[in-house]
N, C-alpha and C. Protein backbone atom coordinates (compact mmCIF):
# COMPACT_ATOMS: atom_id res chain seq x y z
N UNK A 1 0.86 -1.13 0.08
CA UNK A 1 0.01 0.03 0.06
C UNK A 1 0.74 1.28 0.09
N UNK A 2 0.65 2.12 -0.72
CA UNK A 2 1.38 3.30 -1.13
C UNK A 2 0.68 4.50 -0.43
N UNK A 3 1.39 5.25 0.37
CA UNK A 3 0.81 6.42 0.99
C UNK A 3 1.15 7.60 0.16
N UNK A 4 0.24 8.55 -0.30
CA UNK A 4 0.25 9.73 -0.90
C UNK A 4 0.89 10.70 0.13
N UNK A 5 1.88 11.57 -0.33
CA UNK A 5 2.36 12.61 0.54
C UNK A 5 1.97 13.75 -0.16
N UNK A 6 1.35 15.03 0.44
CA UNK A 6 1.11 16.05 -0.20
C UNK A 6 2.38 16.90 -0.32
N UNK A 7 2.15 17.52 -1.51
CA UNK A 7 3.36 18.56 -1.78
C UNK A 7 3.30 19.62 -0.78
N UNK A 8 4.40 19.81 -0.02
CA UNK A 8 4.17 21.29 0.99
C UNK A 8 4.16 22.30 0.13
N UNK A 9 4.37 22.58 -0.98
CA UNK A 9 4.42 23.79 -1.70
C UNK A 9 2.78 23.88 -2.04
N UNK A 10 2.19 23.12 -2.36
CA UNK A 10 0.71 23.15 -2.87
C UNK A 10 0.09 23.40 -1.52
N UNK A 11 0.28 22.78 -0.42
CA UNK A 11 -0.26 23.11 0.71
C UNK A 11 -0.15 24.59 1.41
N UNK A 12 1.21 25.06 1.13
CA UNK A 12 1.58 26.33 1.51
C UNK A 12 0.76 27.50 0.54
N UNK A 13 0.48 27.01 -0.76
CA UNK A 13 -0.19 27.90 -1.81
C UNK A 13 -1.74 27.91 -1.27
N UNK A 14 -2.27 26.74 -0.88
CA UNK A 14 -3.69 26.86 -0.42
C UNK A 14 -3.86 27.74 0.89
N UNK A 15 -3.01 27.56 1.82
CA UNK A 15 -3.09 28.46 3.00
C UNK A 15 -2.89 29.79 2.78
N UNK A 16 -1.86 30.22 1.87
CA UNK A 16 -1.68 31.41 1.49
C UNK A 16 -2.95 32.25 0.81
N UNK A 17 -3.69 31.35 -0.08
CA UNK A 17 -4.83 31.99 -0.72
C UNK A 17 -5.95 32.05 0.11
N UNK A 18 -6.02 31.18 1.00
CA UNK A 18 -7.36 31.19 2.21
C UNK A 18 -7.11 32.48 3.02
N UNK A 19 -5.57 32.76 3.43
CA UNK A 19 -5.37 33.89 4.23
C UNK A 19 -5.52 35.11 3.50
N UNK A 20 -5.18 35.28 2.21
CA UNK A 20 -5.31 36.40 1.21
C UNK A 20 -6.97 36.57 1.33
N UNK A 21 -7.78 35.75 1.07
CA UNK A 21 -9.12 35.95 0.94
C UNK A 21 -9.93 36.49 2.32
N UNK A 22 -9.26 35.85 3.31
CA UNK A 22 -9.68 36.43 4.67
C UNK A 22 -9.28 37.74 4.94
N UNK A 23 -8.09 38.10 4.62
CA UNK A 23 -7.76 39.46 4.68
C UNK A 23 -8.51 40.46 3.97
N UNK A 24 -8.90 40.00 2.57
CA UNK A 24 -9.63 40.81 1.69
C UNK A 24 -11.17 41.26 2.29
N UNK A 25 -11.76 40.22 2.94
CA UNK A 25 -12.94 40.25 3.49
C UNK A 25 -12.81 40.99 4.66
N UNK A 26 -11.74 40.91 5.44
CA UNK A 26 -11.76 41.82 6.86
C UNK A 26 -11.65 43.26 6.28
N UNK A 27 -10.55 43.38 5.38
CA UNK A 27 -10.34 44.87 4.84
C UNK A 27 -11.68 45.46 4.51
N UNK A 28 -12.45 44.70 3.47
CA UNK A 28 -13.67 45.24 2.97
C UNK A 28 -14.65 45.54 4.13
N UNK A 29 -14.77 44.76 5.17
CA UNK A 29 -15.81 44.96 6.28
C UNK A 29 -15.04 46.30 7.09
N UNK A 30 -13.80 46.56 7.31
CA UNK A 30 -13.20 47.60 7.96
C UNK A 30 -13.50 48.90 7.28
N UNK A 31 -13.50 48.62 5.95
CA UNK A 31 -13.72 49.89 5.10
C UNK A 31 -15.19 50.48 5.23
N UNK A 32 -16.10 49.42 5.27
CA UNK A 32 -17.26 49.81 5.43
C UNK A 32 -17.68 50.44 6.75
N UNK A 33 -17.18 50.01 7.84
CA UNK A 33 -17.05 50.49 9.27
C UNK A 33 -16.57 51.91 9.24
N UNK A 34 -15.54 52.07 8.70
CA UNK A 34 -14.68 53.27 8.87
C UNK A 34 -15.06 54.34 8.05
N UNK A 35 -15.52 54.03 6.68
CA UNK A 35 -16.07 55.11 5.84
C UNK A 35 -17.49 55.09 5.67
N UNK A 36 -18.10 56.06 6.24
CA UNK A 36 -19.46 56.07 6.15
C UNK A 36 -20.18 56.38 4.82
N UNK A 37 -21.13 55.98 4.27
CA UNK A 37 -21.55 56.39 2.84
C UNK A 37 -22.26 57.78 3.11
N UNK A 38 -21.48 58.82 2.33
CA UNK A 38 -22.10 60.03 2.42
C UNK A 38 -22.55 60.40 0.94
N UNK A 39 -23.88 61.16 1.11
CA UNK A 39 -24.56 61.43 -0.22
C UNK A 39 -23.55 62.53 -0.78
N UNK A 40 -23.65 62.56 -2.10
CA UNK A 40 -22.73 63.44 -2.82
C UNK A 40 -23.44 64.96 -2.63
N UNK A 41 -22.73 66.14 -2.94
CA UNK A 41 -23.04 67.42 -2.81
C UNK A 41 -24.49 67.57 -3.45
N UNK A 42 -24.48 67.03 -4.59
CA UNK A 42 -25.75 67.46 -5.34
C UNK A 42 -27.04 66.66 -4.76
N UNK A 43 -26.83 65.39 -4.26
CA UNK A 43 -28.05 64.68 -3.62
C UNK A 43 -28.39 65.36 -2.49
N UNK A 44 -27.39 66.09 -1.68
CA UNK A 44 -27.90 66.61 -0.27
C UNK A 44 -28.41 67.96 -0.81
N UNK A 45 -28.10 68.71 -1.83
CA UNK A 45 -28.67 70.00 -2.09
C UNK A 45 -30.10 69.48 -2.58
N UNK A 46 -30.15 68.61 -3.33
CA UNK A 46 -31.53 68.31 -3.76
C UNK A 46 -32.59 67.88 -2.62
N UNK A 47 -31.90 67.29 -1.48
CA UNK A 47 -32.60 67.10 -0.49
C UNK A 47 -33.01 68.10 0.28
N UNK A 48 -32.16 69.18 0.43
CA UNK A 48 -32.54 70.35 1.16
C UNK A 48 -33.59 71.10 0.42
N UNK A 49 -33.56 71.20 -0.97
CA UNK A 49 -34.44 71.77 -1.82
C UNK A 49 -35.87 71.16 -1.71
N UNK A 50 -35.69 69.83 -1.64
CA UNK A 50 -37.26 69.22 -1.54
C UNK A 50 -37.71 69.76 -0.18
N UNK A 51 -36.93 69.48 0.94
CA UNK A 51 -37.44 69.92 2.14
C UNK A 51 -37.97 71.41 2.26
N UNK A 52 -37.30 72.26 1.44
CA UNK A 52 -37.58 73.50 1.46
C UNK A 52 -38.88 73.74 0.91
N UNK A 53 -39.23 73.00 -0.19
CA UNK A 53 -40.55 73.01 -0.81
C UNK A 53 -41.96 72.66 0.11
N UNK A 54 -41.42 71.53 0.76
CA UNK A 54 -42.45 70.97 1.77
C UNK A 54 -42.68 71.97 2.84
N UNK A 55 -41.72 72.76 3.46
CA UNK A 55 -41.89 73.85 4.44
C UNK A 55 -42.72 74.94 4.00
N UNK A 56 -42.43 75.27 2.65
CA UNK A 56 -43.18 76.40 1.98
C UNK A 56 -44.92 76.16 1.90
N UNK A 57 -45.12 75.07 1.83
CA UNK A 57 -46.29 74.36 1.86
C UNK A 57 -46.91 74.59 3.25
N UNK A 58 -46.03 73.86 4.37
CA UNK A 58 -46.41 74.08 5.76
C UNK A 58 -46.75 75.41 6.20
N UNK A 59 -45.93 76.28 5.76
CA UNK A 59 -45.98 77.72 6.10
C UNK A 59 -47.49 78.35 5.68
N UNK A 60 -47.83 78.24 4.51
CA UNK A 60 -49.04 78.43 3.89
C UNK A 60 -50.37 77.91 4.68
N UNK A 61 -50.24 76.48 4.97
CA UNK A 61 -51.13 75.77 5.65
C UNK A 61 -51.40 76.34 7.14
N UNK A 62 -50.31 76.80 7.87
CA UNK A 62 -50.43 77.25 9.06
C UNK A 62 -50.63 78.63 9.22
N UNK A 63 -50.93 79.41 7.98
CA UNK A 63 -51.19 80.88 8.26
C UNK A 63 -50.12 81.66 8.45
N UNK A 64 -48.82 81.35 8.43
CA UNK A 64 -47.76 82.02 8.67
C UNK A 64 -47.28 82.88 7.53
N UNK A 65 -46.20 83.92 7.63
CA UNK A 65 -45.73 84.62 6.45
C UNK A 65 -44.22 84.39 6.60
N UNK A 66 -43.73 83.79 5.39
CA UNK A 66 -42.30 83.73 5.17
C UNK A 66 -41.65 85.11 5.20
N UNK A 67 -40.53 85.30 6.11
CA UNK A 67 -39.96 86.57 6.04
C UNK A 67 -38.59 86.41 5.26
N UNK A 68 -38.01 85.24 5.51
CA UNK A 68 -36.73 85.02 4.82
C UNK A 68 -36.44 83.47 4.73
N UNK A 69 -35.66 83.08 3.71
CA UNK A 69 -35.29 81.73 3.64
C UNK A 69 -34.06 81.71 2.79
N UNK A 70 -33.19 80.75 3.15
CA UNK A 70 -31.81 80.75 2.53
C UNK A 70 -31.27 79.23 2.53
N UNK A 71 -30.64 78.75 1.52
CA UNK A 71 -29.77 77.35 1.53
C UNK A 71 -28.40 77.76 1.43
N UNK A 72 -27.61 77.32 2.19
CA UNK A 72 -26.11 77.76 2.07
C UNK A 72 -25.31 76.36 2.58
N UNK A 73 -24.28 76.55 2.21
CA UNK A 73 -23.17 75.32 2.58
C UNK A 73 -22.36 75.76 3.71
N UNK A 74 -22.51 75.05 4.79
CA UNK A 74 -21.80 75.29 5.91
C UNK A 74 -20.59 74.37 6.44
N UNK A 75 -19.55 74.94 6.64
CA UNK A 75 -18.28 74.33 6.97
C UNK A 75 -17.90 74.27 8.41
N UNK A 76 -17.13 73.16 8.68
CA UNK A 76 -16.89 72.91 10.24
C UNK A 76 -16.25 74.10 10.81
N UNK A 77 -16.51 74.49 11.90
CA UNK A 77 -15.90 75.54 12.61
C UNK A 77 -15.94 76.83 11.60
N UNK A 78 -17.17 77.07 10.82
CA UNK A 78 -17.15 78.28 10.30
C UNK A 78 -18.68 78.81 10.51
N UNK A 79 -18.97 79.44 11.53
CA UNK A 79 -20.41 80.07 11.68
C UNK A 79 -20.69 81.02 10.61
N UNK A 80 -22.01 81.05 10.22
CA UNK A 80 -22.48 81.94 9.23
C UNK A 80 -23.63 82.88 9.98
N UNK A 81 -23.24 84.23 9.62
CA UNK A 81 -24.25 85.07 10.17
C UNK A 81 -24.74 86.08 9.21
N UNK A 82 -26.08 86.50 9.49
CA UNK A 82 -26.76 87.32 8.54
C UNK A 82 -27.47 88.33 9.31
N UNK A 83 -27.93 89.58 8.83
CA UNK A 83 -28.76 90.50 9.44
C UNK A 83 -30.24 90.14 9.22
N UNK A 84 -31.02 90.54 10.18
CA UNK A 84 -32.52 90.11 10.10
C UNK A 84 -33.07 91.44 10.79
N UNK A 85 -34.08 91.98 10.02
CA UNK A 85 -34.87 93.14 10.64
C UNK A 85 -36.13 92.84 10.46
N UNK A 86 -36.84 92.82 11.58
CA UNK A 86 -38.33 92.55 11.85
C UNK A 86 -38.99 93.57 12.44
N UNK A 87 -40.28 93.63 12.27
CA UNK A 87 -41.27 94.53 12.80
C UNK A 87 -41.94 93.81 14.16
N UNK A 88 -43.07 94.38 14.57
CA UNK A 88 -43.63 94.08 15.79
C UNK A 88 -44.31 92.55 15.36
N UNK A 89 -44.18 91.72 16.48
CA UNK A 89 -44.97 90.45 16.01
C UNK A 89 -44.17 89.11 16.76
N UNK A 90 -44.73 88.04 16.54
CA UNK A 90 -43.99 86.77 16.91
C UNK A 90 -43.46 86.13 15.88
N UNK A 91 -42.30 85.69 16.09
CA UNK A 91 -41.49 84.94 14.92
C UNK A 91 -40.97 83.70 15.20
N UNK A 92 -40.51 82.75 14.47
CA UNK A 92 -40.01 81.63 14.51
C UNK A 92 -38.77 81.51 13.62
N UNK A 93 -37.72 80.97 13.92
CA UNK A 93 -36.57 80.65 12.96
C UNK A 93 -36.28 79.10 13.02
N UNK A 94 -36.55 78.44 11.78
CA UNK A 94 -36.37 77.09 11.67
C UNK A 94 -35.24 76.90 10.84
N UNK A 95 -34.33 75.81 11.45
CA UNK A 95 -33.15 75.41 10.74
C UNK A 95 -33.40 73.82 10.26
N UNK A 96 -33.00 73.53 9.10
CA UNK A 96 -33.02 72.21 8.65
C UNK A 96 -31.61 71.75 8.03
N UNK A 97 -30.85 70.98 8.89
CA UNK A 97 -29.61 70.29 8.44
C UNK A 97 -29.76 69.32 7.43
N UNK A 98 -28.45 69.13 6.54
CA UNK A 98 -28.40 68.29 5.47
C UNK A 98 -28.08 67.03 6.28
N UNK A 99 -28.01 65.98 5.33
CA UNK A 99 -27.78 64.50 5.83
C UNK A 99 -26.71 64.25 6.65
N UNK A 100 -25.63 65.20 6.30
CA UNK A 100 -24.21 65.04 7.19
C UNK A 100 -24.15 65.72 8.43
N UNK A 101 -25.27 66.62 8.59
CA UNK A 101 -25.09 67.46 9.90
C UNK A 101 -25.82 66.56 11.05
N UNK A 102 -25.16 66.86 12.21
CA UNK A 102 -25.56 65.94 13.23
C UNK A 102 -26.42 67.03 14.41
N UNK A 103 -25.76 68.09 14.39
CA UNK A 103 -26.20 69.17 15.33
C UNK A 103 -26.06 70.48 14.74
N UNK A 104 -27.25 71.17 14.42
CA UNK A 104 -27.33 72.50 13.97
C UNK A 104 -27.63 73.56 14.95
N UNK A 105 -26.87 74.58 15.13
CA UNK A 105 -27.14 75.64 16.16
C UNK A 105 -27.47 77.03 15.48
N UNK A 106 -28.58 77.54 16.10
CA UNK A 106 -29.08 78.74 15.70
C UNK A 106 -29.05 79.88 17.03
N UNK A 107 -28.48 80.96 16.76
CA UNK A 107 -28.68 82.01 17.89
C UNK A 107 -29.10 83.32 17.28
N UNK A 108 -29.74 83.96 18.05
CA UNK A 108 -30.20 85.43 17.63
C UNK A 108 -29.70 86.47 18.57
N UNK A 109 -28.74 87.46 18.00
CA UNK A 109 -28.40 88.43 18.95
C UNK A 109 -29.00 89.86 18.61
N UNK A 110 -28.96 90.75 19.48
CA UNK A 110 -29.44 92.07 19.22
C UNK A 110 -28.45 92.74 18.48
N UNK A 111 -29.01 93.92 17.99
CA UNK A 111 -27.99 94.81 17.14
C UNK A 111 -26.74 95.09 17.86
N UNK A 112 -26.55 95.36 19.22
CA UNK A 112 -25.34 95.58 19.78
C UNK A 112 -24.68 94.13 20.44
N UNK A 113 -25.17 93.11 19.92
CA UNK A 113 -24.32 91.88 20.10
C UNK A 113 -24.77 91.16 21.40
N UNK A 114 -25.92 91.36 22.13
CA UNK A 114 -26.31 90.68 23.16
C UNK A 114 -27.03 89.41 22.77
N UNK A 115 -26.74 88.21 23.29
CA UNK A 115 -27.40 87.03 22.99
C UNK A 115 -28.96 87.06 23.40
N UNK A 116 -29.83 87.13 22.35
CA UNK A 116 -31.27 87.17 22.74
C UNK A 116 -31.98 85.83 23.08
N UNK A 117 -31.47 84.79 22.22
CA UNK A 117 -31.96 83.34 22.32
C UNK A 117 -31.02 82.52 21.54
N UNK A 118 -31.17 81.24 21.90
CA UNK A 118 -30.55 80.11 21.02
C UNK A 118 -31.34 78.85 21.24
N UNK A 119 -31.15 77.92 20.06
CA UNK A 119 -31.95 76.68 20.39
C UNK A 119 -31.10 75.88 21.60
N UNK A 120 -31.90 75.08 22.39
CA UNK A 120 -31.44 74.18 23.28
C UNK A 120 -31.34 72.79 23.01
N UNK A 121 -32.00 72.47 22.01
CA UNK A 121 -31.95 71.09 21.41
C UNK A 121 -30.83 70.52 20.64
N UNK A 122 -30.56 69.40 20.86
CA UNK A 122 -29.67 68.75 19.99
C UNK A 122 -30.26 68.15 18.78
N UNK A 123 -29.60 68.37 17.55
CA UNK A 123 -30.28 67.83 16.44
C UNK A 123 -30.11 68.80 15.15
N UNK A 124 -30.50 68.30 13.97
CA UNK A 124 -30.44 68.99 12.83
C UNK A 124 -31.71 69.73 12.44
N UNK A 125 -32.61 70.07 13.44
CA UNK A 125 -33.83 70.79 13.11
C UNK A 125 -34.12 71.70 14.21
N UNK A 126 -33.37 72.70 14.48
CA UNK A 126 -33.51 73.68 15.49
C UNK A 126 -34.68 74.71 15.20
N UNK A 127 -35.30 75.06 16.40
CA UNK A 127 -36.41 75.94 16.20
C UNK A 127 -36.32 77.04 17.28
N UNK A 128 -36.25 78.30 16.79
CA UNK A 128 -36.04 79.40 17.96
C UNK A 128 -37.63 80.33 17.79
N UNK A 129 -38.14 80.75 18.86
CA UNK A 129 -39.14 81.66 18.79
C UNK A 129 -38.74 82.98 19.50
N UNK A 130 -39.26 84.10 19.02
CA UNK A 130 -38.97 85.21 19.74
C UNK A 130 -40.09 86.37 19.30
N UNK A 131 -40.23 87.38 20.11
CA UNK A 131 -41.40 88.39 19.94
C UNK A 131 -40.62 89.69 19.93
N UNK A 132 -41.26 90.62 19.07
CA UNK A 132 -40.79 91.96 19.07
C UNK A 132 -42.07 92.95 19.46
N UNK A 133 -41.51 93.97 20.11
CA UNK A 133 -42.50 94.89 20.27
C UNK A 133 -42.51 96.14 19.50
N UNK A 134 -41.25 96.37 18.93
CA UNK A 134 -40.85 97.46 18.02
C UNK A 134 -40.10 96.75 16.83
N UNK A 135 -39.89 97.65 15.75
CA UNK A 135 -39.17 97.26 14.74
C UNK A 135 -37.66 97.25 14.99
N UNK A 136 -36.76 96.28 14.79
CA UNK A 136 -35.58 96.53 15.17
C UNK A 136 -34.82 95.35 14.29
N UNK A 137 -33.38 95.63 14.14
CA UNK A 137 -32.51 94.78 13.52
C UNK A 137 -31.65 93.80 14.38
N UNK A 138 -31.50 92.57 13.99
CA UNK A 138 -31.00 91.56 14.80
C UNK A 138 -29.80 90.91 13.91
N UNK A 139 -28.89 90.22 14.42
CA UNK A 139 -27.99 89.27 13.62
C UNK A 139 -28.28 87.72 14.07
N UNK A 140 -28.46 86.91 13.02
CA UNK A 140 -28.77 85.59 13.12
C UNK A 140 -27.43 84.78 13.00
N UNK A 141 -27.05 83.85 13.77
CA UNK A 141 -25.87 83.15 13.51
C UNK A 141 -26.49 81.55 13.41
N UNK A 142 -25.69 80.75 12.54
CA UNK A 142 -25.81 79.49 12.20
C UNK A 142 -24.56 78.71 12.12
N UNK A 143 -24.38 77.60 13.06
CA UNK A 143 -23.42 76.91 12.98
C UNK A 143 -23.63 75.43 13.24
N UNK A 144 -22.70 74.69 12.57
CA UNK A 144 -22.80 73.24 12.82
C UNK A 144 -21.92 72.85 13.87
N UNK A 145 -22.43 72.32 15.03
CA UNK A 145 -21.60 71.92 15.94
C UNK A 145 -21.07 70.46 16.05
N UNK A 146 -21.58 69.75 15.19
CA UNK A 146 -21.21 68.51 15.04
C UNK A 146 -21.90 67.94 13.48
N UNK A 147 -20.79 67.41 12.79
CA UNK A 147 -20.97 66.55 11.40
C UNK A 147 -20.93 65.05 11.69
N UNK A 148 -21.40 64.42 10.74
CA UNK A 148 -21.40 62.89 10.68
C UNK A 148 -19.77 62.75 10.56
N UNK A 149 -19.30 61.67 10.89
CA UNK A 149 -17.96 61.20 10.88
C UNK A 149 -17.49 61.35 9.30
N UNK A 150 -16.37 61.97 8.98
CA UNK A 150 -15.90 62.11 7.85
C UNK A 150 -16.52 63.24 6.87
N UNK A 151 -17.52 64.15 7.55
CA UNK A 151 -17.92 65.00 6.84
C UNK A 151 -17.50 66.35 7.39
N UNK A 152 -17.16 67.60 6.51
CA UNK A 152 -16.71 68.60 6.89
C UNK A 152 -17.28 69.73 6.42
N UNK A 153 -18.37 69.50 5.54
CA UNK A 153 -19.39 70.69 5.23
C UNK A 153 -20.60 69.99 4.65
N UNK A 154 -21.76 70.77 4.75
CA UNK A 154 -22.91 70.08 4.35
C UNK A 154 -23.89 71.54 4.08
N UNK A 155 -24.96 71.10 3.43
CA UNK A 155 -26.10 72.33 3.18
C UNK A 155 -26.97 72.23 4.36
N UNK A 156 -27.64 73.62 4.63
CA UNK A 156 -28.61 73.77 5.57
C UNK A 156 -29.51 74.66 4.87
N UNK A 157 -30.94 74.71 5.44
CA UNK A 157 -31.88 75.70 5.23
C UNK A 157 -32.23 76.44 6.47
N UNK A 158 -32.35 77.77 6.36
CA UNK A 158 -32.85 78.46 7.45
C UNK A 158 -34.03 79.19 6.81
N UNK A 159 -35.06 79.15 7.71
CA UNK A 159 -36.31 79.79 7.30
C UNK A 159 -36.86 80.60 8.74
N UNK A 160 -37.15 81.84 8.16
CA UNK A 160 -37.79 82.92 9.44
C UNK A 160 -39.19 83.18 8.82
N UNK A 161 -40.03 82.96 9.99
CA UNK A 161 -41.51 83.11 9.63
C UNK A 161 -42.09 83.91 10.76
N UNK A 162 -43.18 84.66 10.26
CA UNK A 162 -43.97 85.33 11.20
C UNK A 162 -45.42 84.82 11.50
N UNK A 163 -45.60 84.48 12.60
CA UNK A 163 -46.86 84.07 13.13
C UNK A 163 -47.87 85.09 13.30
N UNK A 164 -48.87 84.73 12.00
CA UNK A 164 -49.96 85.84 11.92
C UNK A 164 -51.08 85.51 12.81
């Protein structure tokens, strides 16, 4: 009876190939965990624009008057501010962050720089309410305090409405 002996080179090739396949699978899984799927700028801008359309309908349905709206690209550690002049009445400022934004912050300051109000909720949909008894100017500041991992900029929508 003859015993067959495996060629050690063949066995080593087989083990090498098995290990190579294992490493490829593990590498692929690590890449999936380490690199989140981020929508393209165009996809995210389209998302924000569709949300903007939905909010315009909501404003009309609720009998509110839109005072200001803007879609902008916001970068990490780069707050954006804009002037806002309002008359007497009750107002709301709504923020809607893109898919890469975790926490969007809104603050409103008086003309002389005093903080009047800021949103206190964590999330990408902040809302601020304020009232005015006379016409005056303010400064609104928008900042992303946290992006999704791997994201350094994203679109957001800001809407200012007057409650009629």
